Amino acid sequence: MAPNPENMLALPVLTVTATEETDAVLRPVVIAIERLETVVETETRMLLEGEHPDLVEINARKSRGLYDFTRAMNKASARAEASAMKALQPLLDRLRQKLERNCEALQLHLRAVGELSDIIRTAIETQEADGTYTLQNARAGQAL
């Protein structure tokens, strides 16, 4: 049975002539991609399962992951050959797919929040329109 590339966390196969130095240069990039994937997958799962993710914490982790990824990519691109950098493409494509799924989950979440706020606004407007709460009663601290 062939291994599932979705579950592989090892470095991508670079080339037959790839050196340990090239692997060492690319390893921080691979680690940064994997960390970003973990954060994005966690947020996506939580949103789709109806859990309440700590968006501040997740955004901080995403920001840190992006910072680490950018630093690692800058170092790797300065030290590795273009052919070695191309070996990262499958990992970047996989990350892009996970980000797209995350974006869809976030959009779904935002639509649900928008619909909920519309329901609440409509209920408030209905209560105000039926005379139950008037400005004069509110000022006097009374309700009919």
C-alpha atoms as a PDB file:
ATOM      1  CA  MET A   1       0.000   0.000   0.000  1.00  0.00           C
ATOM      2  CA  ALA A   2       1.435   3.394  -0.984  1.00  0.00           C
ATOM      3  CA  PRO A   3       1.827   5.984   1.781  1.00  0.00           C
ATOM      4  CA  ASN A   4      -0.714   8.756   1.869  1.00  0.00           C
ATOM      5  CA  PRO A   5       1.123  12.008   1.000  1.00  0.00           C
ATOM      6  CA  GLU A   6      -1.472  13.928   3.039  1.00  0.00           C
ATOM      7  CA  ASN A   7      -0.144  12.305   6.201  1.00  0.00           C
ATOM      8  CA  MET A   8       3.550  12.576   5.418  1.00  0.00           C
ATOM      9  CA  LEU A   9       5.452  15.081   7.509  1.00  0.00           C
ATOM     10  CA  ALA A  10       8.911  14.359   6.140  1.00  0.00           C
ATOM     11  CA  LEU A  11      10.786  16.563   3.754  1.00  0.00           C
ATOM     12  CA  PRO A  12       9.697  16.216   0.160  1.00  0.00           C
ATOM     13  CA  VAL A  13      11.905  14.161  -2.105  1.00  0.00           C
ATOM     14  CA  LEU A  14      14.156  16.827  -3.543  1.00  0.00           C
ATOM     15  CA  THR A  15      16.311  15.107  -6.144  1.00  0.00           C
ATOM     16  CA  VAL A  16      18.578  12.135  -6.326  1.00  0.00           C
ATOM     17  CA  THR A  17      21.541  14.470  -5.868  1.00  0.00           C
ATOM     18  CA  ALA A  18      20.093  16.487  -3.000  1.00  0.00           C
ATOM     19  CA  THR A  19      22.603  17.024  -0.245  1.00  0.00           C
ATOM     20  CA  GLU A  20      22.190  17.077   3.479  1.00  0.00           C
ATOM     21  CA  GLU A  21      22.941  20.796   3.329  1.00  0.00           C
ATOM     22  CA  THR A  22      19.983  21.385   1.019  1.00  0.00           C
ATOM     23  CA  ASP A  23      17.767  19.326   3.300  1.00  0.00           C
ATOM     24  CA  ALA A  24      18.970  21.373   6.290  1.00  0.00           C
ATOM     25  CA  VAL A  25      18.241  24.624   4.449  1.00  0.00           C
ATOM     26  CA  LEU A  26      14.714  23.547   3.523  1.00  0.00           C
ATOM     27  CA  ARG A  27      13.826  21.884   6.828  1.00  0.00           C
ATOM     28  CA  PRO A  28      12.791  25.166   8.565  1.00  0.00           C
ATOM     29  CA  VAL A  29      10.469  25.933   5.643  1.00  0.00           C
ATOM     30  CA  VAL A  30       8.858  22.505   5.876  1.00  0.00           C
ATOM     31  CA  ILE A  31       8.441  22.874   9.637  1.00  0.00           C
ATOM     32  CA  ALA A  32       6.869  26.319   9.222  1.00  0.00           C
ATOM     33  CA  ILE A  33       4.444  24.989   6.604  1.00  0.00           C
ATOM     34  CA  GLU A  34       3.468  22.083   8.854  1.00  0.00           C
ATOM     35  CA  ARG A  35       2.845  24.431  11.792  1.00  0.00           C
ATOM     36  CA  LEU A  36       0.662  26.675   9.658  1.00  0.00           C
ATOM     37  CA  GLU A  37      -1.247  23.643   8.429  1.00  0.00           C
ATOM     38  CA  THR A  38      -1.863  22.515  12.001  1.00  0.00           C
ATOM     39  CA  VAL A  39      -3.257  25.896  13.048  1.00  0.00           C
ATOM     40  CA  VAL A  40      -5.433  26.212   9.949  1.00  0.00           C
ATOM     41  CA  GLU A  41      -6.728  22.644  10.236  1.00  0.00           C
ATOM     42  CA  THR A  42      -7.572  23.156  13.917  1.00  0.00           C
ATOM     43  CA  GLU A  43      -9.510  26.348  13.235  1.00  0.00           C
ATOM     44  CA  THR A  44     -11.330  24.792  10.272  1.00  0.00           C
ATOM     45  CA  ARG A  45     -12.290  21.702  12.269  1.00  0.00           C
ATOM     46  CA  MET A  46     -13.531  23.769  15.208  1.00  0.00           C
ATOM     47  CA  LEU A  47     -15.624  26.032  12.991  1.00  0.00           C
ATOM     48  CA  LEU A  48     -17.168  23.168  11.052  1.00  0.00           C
ATOM     49  CA  GLU A  49     -17.933  21.183  14.223  1.00  0.00           C
ATOM     50  CA  GLY A  50     -19.624  24.152  15.871  1.00  0.00           C
ATOM     51  CA  GLU A  51     -16.986  24.647  18.531  1.00  0.00           C
ATOM     52  CA  HIS A  52     -15.979  28.115  19.650  1.00  0.00           C
ATOM     53  CA  PRO A  53     -12.338  28.688  18.747  1.00  0.00           C
ATOM     54  CA  ASP A  54     -10.398  31.412  20.501  1.00  0.00           C
ATOM     55  CA  LEU A  55     -10.010  33.577  17.417  1.00  0.00           C
ATOM     56  CA  VAL A  56      -7.507  35.896  19.090  1.00  0.00           C
ATOM     57  CA  GLU A  57      -5.228  32.975  19.922  1.00  0.00           C
ATOM     58  CA  ILE A  58      -5.653  31.372  16.506  1.00  0.00           C
ATOM     59  CA  ASN A  59      -4.926  34.635  14.716  1.00  0.00           C
ATOM     60  CA  ALA A  60      -1.819  35.110  16.859  1.00  0.00           C
ATOM     61  CA  ARG A  61      -0.678  31.583  15.986  1.00  0.00           C
ATOM     62  CA  LYS A  62      -1.363  32.209  12.285  1.00  0.00           C
ATOM     63  CA  SER A  63       0.579  35.471  12.405  1.00  0.00           C
ATOM     64  CA  ARG A  64       3.509  33.803  14.121  1.00  0.00           C
ATOM     65  CA  GLY A  65       3.396  30.934  11.646  1.00  0.00           C
ATOM     66  CA  LEU A  66       3.389  33.316   8.708  1.00  0.00           C
ATOM     67  CA  TYR A  67       6.307  35.225  10.219  1.00  0.00           C
ATOM     68  CA  ASP A  68       8.288  31.995  10.703  1.00  0.00           C
ATOM     69  CA  PHE A  69       7.408  30.831   7.195  1.00  0.00           C
ATOM     70  CA  THR A  70       8.500  34.125   5.641  1.00  0.00           C
ATOM     71  CA  ARG A  71      11.816  34.102   7.495  1.00  0.00           C
ATOM     72  CA  ALA A  72      12.485  30.489   6.583  1.00  0.00           C
ATOM     73  CA  MET A  73      11.603  31.081   2.923  1.00  0.00           C
ATOM     74  CA  ASN A  74      13.856  34.138   2.730  1.00  0.00           C
ATOM     75  CA  LYS A  75      16.792  32.215   4.187  1.00  0.00           C
ATOM     76  CA  ALA A  76      16.149  29.161   2.026  1.00  0.00           C
ATOM     77  CA  SER A  77      15.801  31.129  -1.193  1.00  0.00           C
ATOM     78  CA  ALA A  78      19.113  32.847  -0.478  1.00  0.00           C
ATOM     79  CA  ARG A  79      20.924  29.576   0.210  1.00  0.00           C
ATOM     80  CA  ALA A  80      19.239  26.894  -1.916  1.00  0.00           C
ATOM     81  CA  GLU A  81      19.127  26.448  -5.648  1.00  0.00           C
ATOM     82  CA  ALA A  82      15.911  27.145  -7.523  1.00  0.00           C
ATOM     83  CA  SER A  83      15.481  23.458  -8.332  1.00  0.00           C
ATOM     84  CA  ALA A  84      15.582  22.606  -4.630  1.00  0.00           C
ATOM     85  CA  MET A  85      13.050  25.345  -3.870  1.00  0.00           C
ATOM     86  CA  LYS A  86      10.698  23.890  -6.498  1.00  0.00           C
ATOM     87  CA  ALA A  87      10.562  20.721  -4.423  1.00  0.00           C
ATOM     88  CA  LEU A  88       8.515  22.693  -1.873  1.00  0.00           C
ATOM     89  CA  GLN A  89       5.682  23.208  -4.365  1.00  0.00           C
ATOM     90  CA  PRO A  90       3.639  20.135  -3.335  1.00  0.00           C
ATOM     91  CA  LEU A  91       3.730  21.277   0.288  1.00  0.00           C
ATOM     92  CA  LEU A  92       2.719  24.803  -0.699  1.00  0.00           C
ATOM     93  CA  ASP A  93      -0.113  23.446  -2.841  1.00  0.00           C
ATOM     94  CA  ARG A  94      -1.352  21.346   0.087  1.00  0.00           C
ATOM     95  CA  LEU A  95      -1.209  24.411   2.381  1.00  0.00           C
ATOM     96  CA  ARG A  96      -3.128  26.450  -0.195  1.00  0.00           C
ATOM     97  CA  GLN A  97      -5.886  23.807  -0.294  1.00  0.00           C
ATOM     98  CA  LYS A  98      -6.155  23.858   3.486  1.00  0.00           C
ATOM     99  CA  LEU A  99      -6.277  27.656   3.489  1.00  0.00           C
ATOM    100  CA  GLU A 100      -9.058  27.610   0.897  1.00  0.00           C
ATOM    101  CA  ARG A 101     -11.067  25.165   3.029  1.00  0.00           C
ATOM    102  CA  ASN A 102     -10.419  27.384   6.063  1.00  0.00           C
ATOM    103  CA  CYS A 103     -11.624  30.429   4.148  1.00  0.00           C
ATOM    104  CA  GLU A 104     -14.844  28.608   3.234  1.00  0.00           C
ATOM    105  CA  ALA A 105     -15.378  27.636   6.894  1.00  0.00           C
ATOM    106  CA  LEU A 106     -14.789  31.226   8.019  1.00  0.00           C
ATOM    107  CA  GLN A 107     -17.223  32.542   5.395  1.00  0.00           C
ATOM    108  CA  LEU A 108     -19.841  30.044   6.559  1.00  0.00           C
ATOM    109  CA  HIS A 109     -19.259  31.136  10.155  1.00  0.00           C
ATOM    110  CA  LEU A 110     -19.581  34.818   9.241  1.00  0.00           C
ATOM    111  CA  ARG A 111     -22.807  34.170   7.321  1.00  0.00           C
ATOM    112  CA  ALA A 112     -24.229  32.386  10.366  1.00  0.00           C
ATOM    113  CA  VAL A 113     -23.245  35.275  12.629  1.00  0.00           C
ATOM    114  CA  GLY A 114     -24.830  37.717  10.175  1.00  0.00           C
ATOM    115  CA  GLU A 115     -28.050  35.706  10.076  1.00  0.00           C
ATOM    116  CA  LEU A 116     -28.153  35.536  13.863  1.00  0.00           C
ATOM    117  CA  SER A 117     -27.672  39.288  14.170  1.00  0.00           C
ATOM    118  CA  ASP A 118     -30.493  39.809  11.641  1.00  0.00           C
ATOM    119  CA  ILE A 119     -32.795  37.635  13.783  1.00  0.00           C
ATOM    120  CA  ILE A 120     -31.885  39.582  16.921  1.00  0.00           C
ATOM    121  CA  ARG A 121     -32.326  42.946  15.159  1.00  0.00           C
ATOM    122  CA  THR A 122     -35.725  41.882  13.814  1.00  0.00           C
ATOM    123  CA  ALA A 123     -36.836  40.751  17.276  1.00  0.00           C
ATOM    124  CA  ILE A 124     -35.769  44.053  18.797  1.00  0.00           C
ATOM    125  CA  GLU A 125     -37.517  46.046  16.075  1.00  0.00           C
ATOM    126  CA  THR A 126     -40.681  43.973  16.564  1.00  0.00           C
ATOM    127  CA  GLN A 127     -40.645  44.589  20.313  1.00  0.00           C
ATOM    128  CA  GLU A 128     -40.167  48.310  19.785  1.00  0.00           C
ATOM    129  CA  ALA A 129     -42.871  48.482  17.149  1.00  0.00           C
ATOM    130  CA  ASP A 130     -45.604  46.864  19.265  1.00  0.00           C
ATOM    131  CA  GLY A 131     -45.436  49.557  21.921  1.00  0.00           C
ATOM    132  CA  THR A 132     -44.211  47.265  24.660  1.00  0.00           C
ATOM    133  CA  TYR A 133     -41.180  49.432  25.160  1.00  0.00           C
ATOM    134  CA  THR A 134     -41.473  53.132  24.625  1.00  0.00           C
ATOM    135  CA  LEU A 135     -38.907  55.822  25.101  1.00  0.00           C
ATOM    136  CA  GLN A 136     -40.947  57.373  27.895  1.00  0.00           C
ATOM    137  CA  ASN A 137     -41.278  54.031  29.758  1.00  0.00           C
ATOM    138  CA  ALA A 138     -37.597  53.303  29.300  1.00  0.00           C
ATOM    139  CA  ARG A 139     -36.680  56.665  30.819  1.00  0.00           C
ATOM    140  CA  ALA A 140     -38.965  56.001  33.744  1.00  0.00           C
ATOM    141  CA  GLY A 141     -37.567  52.476  34.127  1.00  0.00           C
ATOM    142  CA  GLN A 142     -40.902  50.887  33.368  1.00  0.00           C
ATOM    143  CA  ALA A 143     -42.210  48.473  30.803  1.00  0.00           C
ATOM    144  CA  LEU A 144     -45.858  47.890  29.967  1.00  0.00           C
END
